Amino acid sequence: MVTLTIFGSGCAKCSQLAENAETAAKELGLDYELLKVTDRNAIVDAGIVRTPALMVGETLRVSGQVAGVDDIKKILA
């Protein structure tokens, strides 16, 4: 199972990144878990400087932008 974690305040960009990540995982047929972290202290503790951010497992893959579905599919493949 792949853990996809979205870090951000819950704003529109954060929601879009979460939706794109979920769509990419579904299109690839992955078994995944989507987590959303909105607590500022948890975001800082994770080393996130810019949101929205996407962490795949323990690796930060996207920070400060809304990656598209195709970009996230390349990350997950």
PDB file of N, CA and C in Angstrom:
ATOM      1  N   MET A   1       0.841  -1.181   0.000  1.00  0.00           N
ATOM      2  CA  MET A   1       0.000   0.000   0.000  1.00  0.00           C
ATOM      3  C   MET A   1       0.882   1.238   0.000  1.00  0.00           C
ATOM      4  N   VAL A   2       0.520   2.193  -0.843  1.00  0.00           N
ATOM      5  CA  VAL A   2       1.248   3.452  -0.950  1.00  0.00           C
ATOM      6  C   VAL A   2       0.522   4.496  -0.099  1.00  0.00           C
ATOM      7  N   THR A   3       1.278   5.228   0.694  1.00  0.00           N
ATOM      8  CA  THR A   3       0.692   6.302   1.485  1.00  0.00           C
ATOM      9  C   THR A   3       0.972   7.622   0.799  1.00  0.00           C
ATOM     10  N   LEU A   4      -0.096   8.335   0.453  1.00  0.00           N
ATOM     11  CA  LEU A   4      -0.004   9.658  -0.155  1.00  0.00           C
ATOM     12  C   LEU A   4      -0.447  10.658   0.898  1.00  0.00           C
ATOM     13  N   THR A   5       0.429  11.581   1.245  1.00  0.00           N
ATOM     14  CA  THR A   5       0.108  12.567   2.273  1.00  0.00           C
ATOM     15  C   THR A   5       0.120  13.955   1.665  1.00  0.00           C
ATOM     16  N   ILE A   6      -0.985  14.660   1.830  1.00  0.00           N
ATOM     17  CA  ILE A   6      -1.113  16.032   1.359  1.00  0.00           C
ATOM     18  C   ILE A   6      -0.924  16.949   2.560  1.00  0.00           C
ATOM     19  N   PHE A   7      -0.019  17.907   2.442  1.00  0.00           N
ATOM     20  CA  PHE A   7       0.225  18.886   3.495  1.00  0.00           C
ATOM     21  C   PHE A   7      -0.268  20.240   3.029  1.00  0.00           C
ATOM     22  N   GLY A   8      -1.055  20.903   3.858  1.00  0.00           N
ATOM     23  CA  GLY A   8      -1.527  22.240   3.530  1.00  0.00           C
ATOM     24  C   GLY A   8      -2.659  22.658   4.440  1.00  0.00           C
ATOM     25  N   SER A   9      -3.114  23.875   4.247  1.00  0.00           N
ATOM     26  CA  SER A   9      -4.120  24.463   5.127  1.00  0.00           C
ATOM     27  C   SER A   9      -5.539  23.980   4.845  1.00  0.00           C
ATOM     28  N   GLY A  10      -5.704  23.277   3.736  1.00  0.00           N
ATOM     29  CA  GLY A  10      -7.044  22.866   3.332  1.00  0.00           C
ATOM     30  C   GLY A  10      -7.633  23.803   2.291  1.00  0.00           C
ATOM     31  N   CYS A  11      -6.790  24.656   1.733  1.00  0.00           N
ATOM     32  CA  CYS A  11      -7.223  25.624   0.721  1.00  0.00           C
ATOM     33  C   CYS A  11      -7.576  24.922  -0.597  1.00  0.00           C
ATOM     34  N   ALA A  12      -8.033  25.687  -1.558  1.00  0.00           N
ATOM     35  CA  ALA A  12      -8.433  25.128  -2.854  1.00  0.00           C
ATOM     36  C   ALA A  12      -7.268  24.418  -3.543  1.00  0.00           C
ATOM     37  N   LYS A  13      -6.069  24.979  -3.457  1.00  0.00           N
ATOM     38  CA  LYS A  13      -4.911  24.351  -4.094  1.00  0.00           C
ATOM     39  C   LYS A  13      -4.572  23.019  -3.423  1.00  0.00           C
ATOM     40  N   CYS A  14      -4.700  22.979  -2.113  1.00  0.00           N
ATOM     41  CA  CYS A  14      -4.443  21.733  -1.382  1.00  0.00           C
ATOM     42  C   CYS A  14      -5.463  20.661  -1.774  1.00  0.00           C
ATOM     43  N   SER A  15      -6.706  21.074  -1.860  1.00  0.00           N
ATOM     44  CA  SER A  15      -7.767  20.144  -2.251  1.00  0.00           C
ATOM     45  C   SER A  15      -7.553  19.634  -3.672  1.00  0.00           C
ATOM     46  N   GLN A  16      -7.109  20.509  -4.566  1.00  0.00           N
ATOM     47  CA  GLN A  16      -6.860  20.106  -5.954  1.00  0.00           C
ATOM     48  C   GLN A  16      -5.706  19.119  -6.028  1.00  0.00           C
ATOM     49  N   LEU A  17      -4.648  19.353  -5.265  1.00  0.00           N
ATOM     50  CA  LEU A  17      -3.521  18.424  -5.246  1.00  0.00           C
ATOM     51  C   LEU A  17      -3.969  17.061  -4.722  1.00  0.00           C
ATOM     52  N   ALA A  18      -4.794  17.050  -3.685  1.00  0.00           N
ATOM     53  CA  ALA A  18      -5.307  15.788  -3.142  1.00  0.00           C
ATOM     54  C   ALA A  18      -6.138  15.059  -4.189  1.00  0.00           C
ATOM     55  N   GLU A  19      -7.000  15.794  -4.882  1.00  0.00           N
ATOM     56  CA  GLU A  19      -7.839  15.189  -5.923  1.00  0.00           C
ATOM     57  C   GLU A  19      -6.981  14.628  -7.050  1.00  0.00           C
ATOM     58  N   ASN A  20      -5.963  15.380  -7.462  1.00  0.00           N
ATOM     59  CA  ASN A  20      -5.074  14.918  -8.538  1.00  0.00           C
ATOM     60  C   ASN A  20      -4.303  13.671  -8.118  1.00  0.00           C
ATOM     61  N   ALA A  21      -3.842  13.638  -6.878  1.00  0.00           N
ATOM     62  CA  ALA A  21      -3.090  12.480  -6.389  1.00  0.00           C
ATOM     63  C   ALA A  21      -3.987  11.246  -6.343  1.00  0.00           C
ATOM     64  N   GLU A  22      -5.210  11.442  -5.885  1.00  0.00           N
ATOM     65  CA  GLU A  22      -6.150  10.318  -5.806  1.00  0.00           C
ATOM     66  C   GLU A  22      -6.502   9.804  -7.203  1.00  0.00           C
ATOM     67  N   THR A  23      -6.730  10.706  -8.127  1.00  0.00           N
ATOM     68  CA  THR A  23      -7.039  10.312  -9.508  1.00  0.00           C
ATOM     69  C   THR A  23      -5.876   9.543 -10.121  1.00  0.00           C
ATOM     70  N   ALA A  24      -4.655  10.029  -9.916  1.00  0.00           N
ATOM     71  CA  ALA A  24      -3.469   9.366 -10.466  1.00  0.00           C
ATOM     72  C   ALA A  24      -3.330   7.954  -9.896  1.00  0.00           C
ATOM     73  N   ALA A  25      -3.499   7.816  -8.591  1.00  0.00           N
ATOM     74  CA  ALA A  25      -3.372   6.503  -7.954  1.00  0.00           C
ATOM     75  C   ALA A  25      -4.434   5.544  -8.474  1.00  0.00           C
ATOM     76  N   LYS A  26      -5.655   6.032  -8.621  1.00  0.00           N
ATOM     77  CA  LYS A  26      -6.742   5.186  -9.133  1.00  0.00           C
ATOM     78  C   LYS A  26      -6.474   4.761 -10.565  1.00  0.00           C
ATOM     79  N   GLU A  27      -6.022   5.707 -11.392  1.00  0.00           N
ATOM     80  CA  GLU A  27      -5.763   5.382 -12.802  1.00  0.00           C
ATOM     81  C   GLU A  27      -4.643   4.366 -12.944  1.00  0.00           C
ATOM     82  N   LEU A  28      -3.694   4.368 -11.999  1.00  0.00           N
ATOM     83  CA  LEU A  28      -2.599   3.398 -12.032  1.00  0.00           C
ATOM     84  C   LEU A  28      -2.984   2.078 -11.348  1.00  0.00           C
ATOM     85  N   GLY A  29      -4.169   2.047 -10.748  1.00  0.00           N
ATOM     86  CA  GLY A  29      -4.623   0.839 -10.078  1.00  0.00           C
ATOM     87  C   GLY A  29      -3.872   0.534  -8.793  1.00  0.00           C
ATOM     88  N   LEU A  30      -3.381   1.565  -8.125  1.00  0.00           N
ATOM     89  CA  LEU A  30      -2.597   1.371  -6.914  1.00  0.00           C
ATOM     90  C   LEU A  30      -3.483   1.174  -5.690  1.00  0.00           C
ATOM     91  N   ASP A  31      -2.978   0.404  -4.768  1.00  0.00           N
ATOM     92  CA  ASP A  31      -3.587   0.281  -3.449  1.00  0.00           C
ATOM     93  C   ASP A  31      -2.969   1.422  -2.646  1.00  0.00           C
ATOM     94  N   TYR A  32      -3.769   2.398  -2.246  1.00  0.00           N
ATOM     95  CA  TYR A  32      -3.219   3.594  -1.612  1.00  0.00           C
ATOM     96  C   TYR A  32      -4.071   4.049  -0.443  1.00  0.00           C
ATOM     97  N   GLU A  33      -3.438   4.886   0.370  1.00  0.00           N
ATOM     98  CA  GLU A  33      -4.107   5.550   1.475  1.00  0.00           C
ATOM     99  C   GLU A  33      -3.801   7.034   1.314  1.00  0.00           C
ATOM    100  N   LEU A  34      -4.830   7.883   1.379  1.00  0.00           N
ATOM    101  CA  LEU A  34      -4.651   9.320   1.238  1.00  0.00           C
ATOM    102  C   LEU A  34      -4.847   9.975   2.597  1.00  0.00           C
ATOM    103  N   LEU A  35      -3.807  10.666   3.045  1.00  0.00           N
ATOM    104  CA  LEU A  35      -3.863  11.376   4.314  1.00  0.00           C
ATOM    105  C   LEU A  35      -3.766  12.876   4.048  1.00  0.00           C
ATOM    106  N   LYS A  36      -4.442  13.664   4.857  1.00  0.00           N
ATOM    107  CA  LYS A  36      -4.367  15.119   4.739  1.00  0.00           C
ATOM    108  C   LYS A  36      -3.903  15.692   6.071  1.00  0.00           C
ATOM    109  N   VAL A  37      -2.824  16.458   6.021  1.00  0.00           N
ATOM    110  CA  VAL A  37      -2.265  17.068   7.218  1.00  0.00           C
ATOM    111  C   VAL A  37      -2.451  18.575   7.112  1.00  0.00           C
ATOM    112  N   THR A  38      -3.242  19.136   8.034  1.00  0.00           N
ATOM    113  CA  THR A  38      -3.511  20.572   8.017  1.00  0.00           C
ATOM    114  C   THR A  38      -2.928  21.299   9.227  1.00  0.00           C
ATOM    115  N   ASP A  39      -2.457  20.555  10.212  1.00  0.00           N
ATOM    116  CA  ASP A  39      -1.892  21.156  11.414  1.00  0.00           C
ATOM    117  C   ASP A  39      -0.537  21.799  11.102  1.00  0.00           C
ATOM    118  N   ARG A  40      -0.420  23.088  11.378  1.00  0.00           N
ATOM    119  CA  ARG A  40       0.818  23.811  11.033  1.00  0.00           C
ATOM    120  C   ARG A  40       2.054  23.210  11.688  1.00  0.00           C
ATOM    121  N   ASN A  41       1.934  22.814  12.949  1.00  0.00           N
ATOM    122  CA  ASN A  41       3.091  22.222  13.641  1.00  0.00           C
ATOM    123  C   ASN A  41       3.508  20.914  12.996  1.00  0.00           C
ATOM    124  N   ALA A  42       2.551  20.103  12.586  1.00  0.00           N
ATOM    125  CA  ALA A  42       2.863  18.828  11.920  1.00  0.00           C
ATOM    126  C   ALA A  42       3.509  19.078  10.556  1.00  0.00           C
ATOM    127  N   ILE A  43       3.056  20.117   9.874  1.00  0.00           N
ATOM    128  CA  ILE A  43       3.641  20.460   8.573  1.00  0.00           C
ATOM    129  C   ILE A  43       5.100  20.865   8.755  1.00  0.00           C
ATOM    130  N   VAL A  44       5.364  21.725   9.726  1.00  0.00           N
ATOM    131  CA  VAL A  44       6.737  22.167  10.008  1.00  0.00           C
ATOM    132  C   VAL A  44       7.594  20.986  10.454  1.00  0.00           C
ATOM    133  N   ASP A  45       7.043  20.141  11.328  1.00  0.00           N
ATOM    134  CA  ASP A  45       7.783  18.972  11.812  1.00  0.00           C
ATOM    135  C   ASP A  45       8.163  18.023  10.679  1.00  0.00           C
ATOM    136  N   ALA A  46       7.347  17.994   9.619  1.00  0.00           N
ATOM    137  CA  ALA A  46       7.640  17.132   8.469  1.00  0.00           C
ATOM    138  C   ALA A  46       8.680  17.762   7.541  1.00  0.00           C
ATOM    139  N   GLY A  47       9.091  18.990   7.848  1.00  0.00           N
ATOM    140  CA  GLY A  47      10.103  19.665   7.036  1.00  0.00           C
ATOM    141  C   GLY A  47       9.535  20.350   5.809  1.00  0.00           C
ATOM    142  N   ILE A  48       8.227  20.551   5.774  1.00  0.00           N
ATOM    143  CA  ILE A  48       7.583  21.194   4.638  1.00  0.00           C
ATOM    144  C   ILE A  48       7.739  22.699   4.782  1.00  0.00           C
ATOM    145  N   VAL A  49       8.272  23.333   3.732  1.00  0.00           N
ATOM    146  CA  VAL A  49       8.466  24.776   3.744  1.00  0.00           C
ATOM    147  C   VAL A  49       7.352  25.469   2.971  1.00  0.00           C
ATOM    148  N   ARG A  50       6.944  24.867   1.859  1.00  0.00           N
ATOM    149  CA  ARG A  50       5.906  25.470   1.012  1.00  0.00           C
ATOM    150  C   ARG A  50       4.789  24.471   0.780  1.00  0.00           C
ATOM    151  N   THR A  51       3.565  24.957   0.887  1.00  0.00           N
ATOM    152  CA  THR A  51       2.401  24.109   0.635  1.00  0.00           C
ATOM    153  C   THR A  51       1.681  24.631  -0.598  1.00  0.00           C
ATOM    154  N   PRO A  52       0.882  23.825  -1.260  1.00  0.00           N
ATOM    155  CA  PRO A  52       0.601  22.435  -0.914  1.00  0.00           C
ATOM    156  C   PRO A  52       1.802  21.545  -1.203  1.00  0.00           C
ATOM    157  N   ALA A  53       1.834  20.427  -0.519  1.00  0.00           N
ATOM    158  CA  ALA A  53       2.931  19.486  -0.700  1.00  0.00           C
ATOM    159  C   ALA A  53       2.374  18.065  -0.727  1.00  0.00           C
ATOM    160  N   LEU A  54       3.089  17.206  -1.441  1.00  0.00           N
ATOM    161  CA  LEU A  54       2.721  15.792  -1.548  1.00  0.00           C
ATOM    162  C   LEU A  54       3.910  14.947  -1.138  1.00  0.00           C
ATOM    163  N   MET A  55       3.684  14.081  -0.170  1.00  0.00           N
ATOM    164  CA  MET A  55       4.694  13.131   0.242  1.00  0.00           C
ATOM    165  C   MET A  55       4.205  11.740  -0.153  1.00  0.00           C
ATOM    166  N   VAL A  56       5.075  10.984  -0.786  1.00  0.00           N
ATOM    167  CA  VAL A  56       4.772   9.602  -1.157  1.00  0.00           C
ATOM    168  C   VAL A  56       5.617   8.725  -0.243  1.00  0.00           C
ATOM    169  N   GLY A  57       4.936   7.995   0.618  1.00  0.00           N
ATOM    170  CA  GLY A  57       5.661   7.248   1.643  1.00  0.00           C
ATOM    171  C   GLY A  57       6.340   8.246   2.565  1.00  0.00           C
ATOM    172  N   GLU A  58       7.653   8.193   2.641  1.00  0.00           N
ATOM    173  CA  GLU A  58       8.423   9.116   3.484  1.00  0.00           C
ATOM    174  C   GLU A  58       9.181  10.148   2.652  1.00  0.00           C
ATOM    175  N   THR A  59       8.907  10.211   1.340  1.00  0.00           N
ATOM    176  CA  THR A  59       9.657  11.082   0.441  1.00  0.00           C
ATOM    177  C   THR A  59       8.801  12.239  -0.045  1.00  0.00           C
ATOM    178  N   LEU A  60       9.287  13.457   0.159  1.00  0.00           N
ATOM    179  CA  LEU A  60       8.613  14.646  -0.341  1.00  0.00           C
ATOM    180  C   LEU A  60       8.808  14.709  -1.848  1.00  0.00           C
ATOM    181  N   ARG A  61       7.712  14.721  -2.601  1.00  0.00           N
ATOM    182  CA  ARG A  61       7.800  14.700  -4.068  1.00  0.00           C
ATOM    183  C   ARG A  61       7.316  15.979  -4.716  1.00  0.00           C
ATOM    184  N   VAL A  62       6.422  16.726  -4.076  1.00  0.00           N
ATOM    185  CA  VAL A  62       5.886  17.970  -4.632  1.00  0.00           C
ATOM    186  C   VAL A  62       5.797  18.974  -3.490  1.00  0.00           C
ATOM    187  N   SER A  63       6.238  20.209  -3.753  1.00  0.00           N
ATOM    188  CA  SER A  63       6.155  21.241  -2.726  1.00  0.00           C
ATOM    189  C   SER A  63       5.918  22.594  -3.381  1.00  0.00           C
ATOM    190  N   GLY A  64       4.914  23.307  -2.882  1.00  0.00           N
ATOM    191  CA  GLY A  64       4.657  24.662  -3.341  1.00  0.00           C
ATOM    192  C   GLY A  64       3.940  24.770  -4.670  1.00  0.00           C
ATOM    193  N   GLN A  65       3.351  23.682  -5.133  1.00  0.00           N
ATOM    194  CA  GLN A  65       2.635  23.724  -6.406  1.00  0.00           C
ATOM    195  C   GLN A  65       1.583  22.634  -6.468  1.00  0.00           C
ATOM    196  N   VAL A  66       0.678  22.791  -7.404  1.00  0.00           N
ATOM    197  CA  VAL A  66      -0.348  21.779  -7.641  1.00  0.00           C
ATOM    198  C   VAL A  66       0.096  20.972  -8.851  1.00  0.00           C
ATOM    199  N   ALA A  67       0.625  19.787  -8.602  1.00  0.00           N
ATOM    200  CA  ALA A  67       1.054  18.906  -9.687  1.00  0.00           C
ATOM    201  C   ALA A  67      -0.179  18.321 -10.362  1.00  0.00           C
ATOM    202  N   GLY A  68      -0.095  18.177 -11.672  1.00  0.00           N
ATOM    203  CA  GLY A  68      -1.188  17.602 -12.433  1.00  0.00           C
ATOM    204  C   GLY A  68      -1.231  16.087 -12.300  1.00  0.00           C
ATOM    205  N   VAL A  69      -2.325  15.506 -12.745  1.00  0.00           N
ATOM    206  CA  VAL A  69      -2.508  14.055 -12.659  1.00  0.00           C
ATOM    207  C   VAL A  69      -1.377  13.332 -13.379  1.00  0.00           C
ATOM    208  N   ASP A  70      -1.029  13.766 -14.593  1.00  0.00           N
ATOM    209  CA  ASP A  70       0.024  13.084 -15.356  1.00  0.00           C
ATOM    210  C   ASP A  70       1.375  13.170 -14.645  1.00  0.00           C
ATOM    211  N   ASP A  71       1.664  14.333 -14.042  1.00  0.00           N
ATOM    212  CA  ASP A  71       2.924  14.478 -13.306  1.00  0.00           C
ATOM    213  C   ASP A  71       2.967  13.536 -12.108  1.00  0.00           C
ATOM    214  N   ILE A  72       1.868  13.425 -11.415  1.00  0.00           N
ATOM    215  CA  ILE A  72       1.823  12.542 -10.239  1.00  0.00           C
ATOM    216  C   ILE A  72       1.903  11.083 -10.668  1.00  0.00           C
ATOM    217  N   LYS A  73       1.295  10.753 -11.791  1.00  0.00           N
ATOM    218  CA  LYS A  73       1.406   9.371 -12.297  1.00  0.00           C
ATOM    219  C   LYS A  73       2.848   9.022 -12.583  1.00  0.00           C
ATOM    220  N   LYS A  74       3.623   9.955 -13.106  1.00  0.00           N
ATOM    221  CA  LYS A  74       5.049   9.696 -13.363  1.00  0.00           C
ATOM    222  C   LYS A  74       5.793   9.466 -12.048  1.00  0.00           C
ATOM    223  N   ILE A  75       5.429  10.197 -11.012  1.00  0.00           N
ATOM    224  CA  ILE A  75       6.054  10.030  -9.706  1.00  0.00           C
ATOM    225  C   ILE A  75       5.724   8.659  -9.138  1.00  0.00           C
ATOM    226  N   LEU A  76       4.489   8.225  -9.294  1.00  0.00           N
ATOM    227  CA  LEU A  76       4.020   6.972  -8.696  1.00  0.00           C
ATOM    228  C   LEU A  76       4.404   5.726  -9.491  1.00  0.00           C
ATOM    229  N   ALA A  77       4.674   5.898 -10.769  1.00  0.00           N
ATOM    230  CA  ALA A  77       4.951   4.737 -11.629  1.00  0.00           C
ATOM    231  C   ALA A  77       6.323   4.126 -11.355  1.00  0.00           C
TER     232      ALA A  77
END
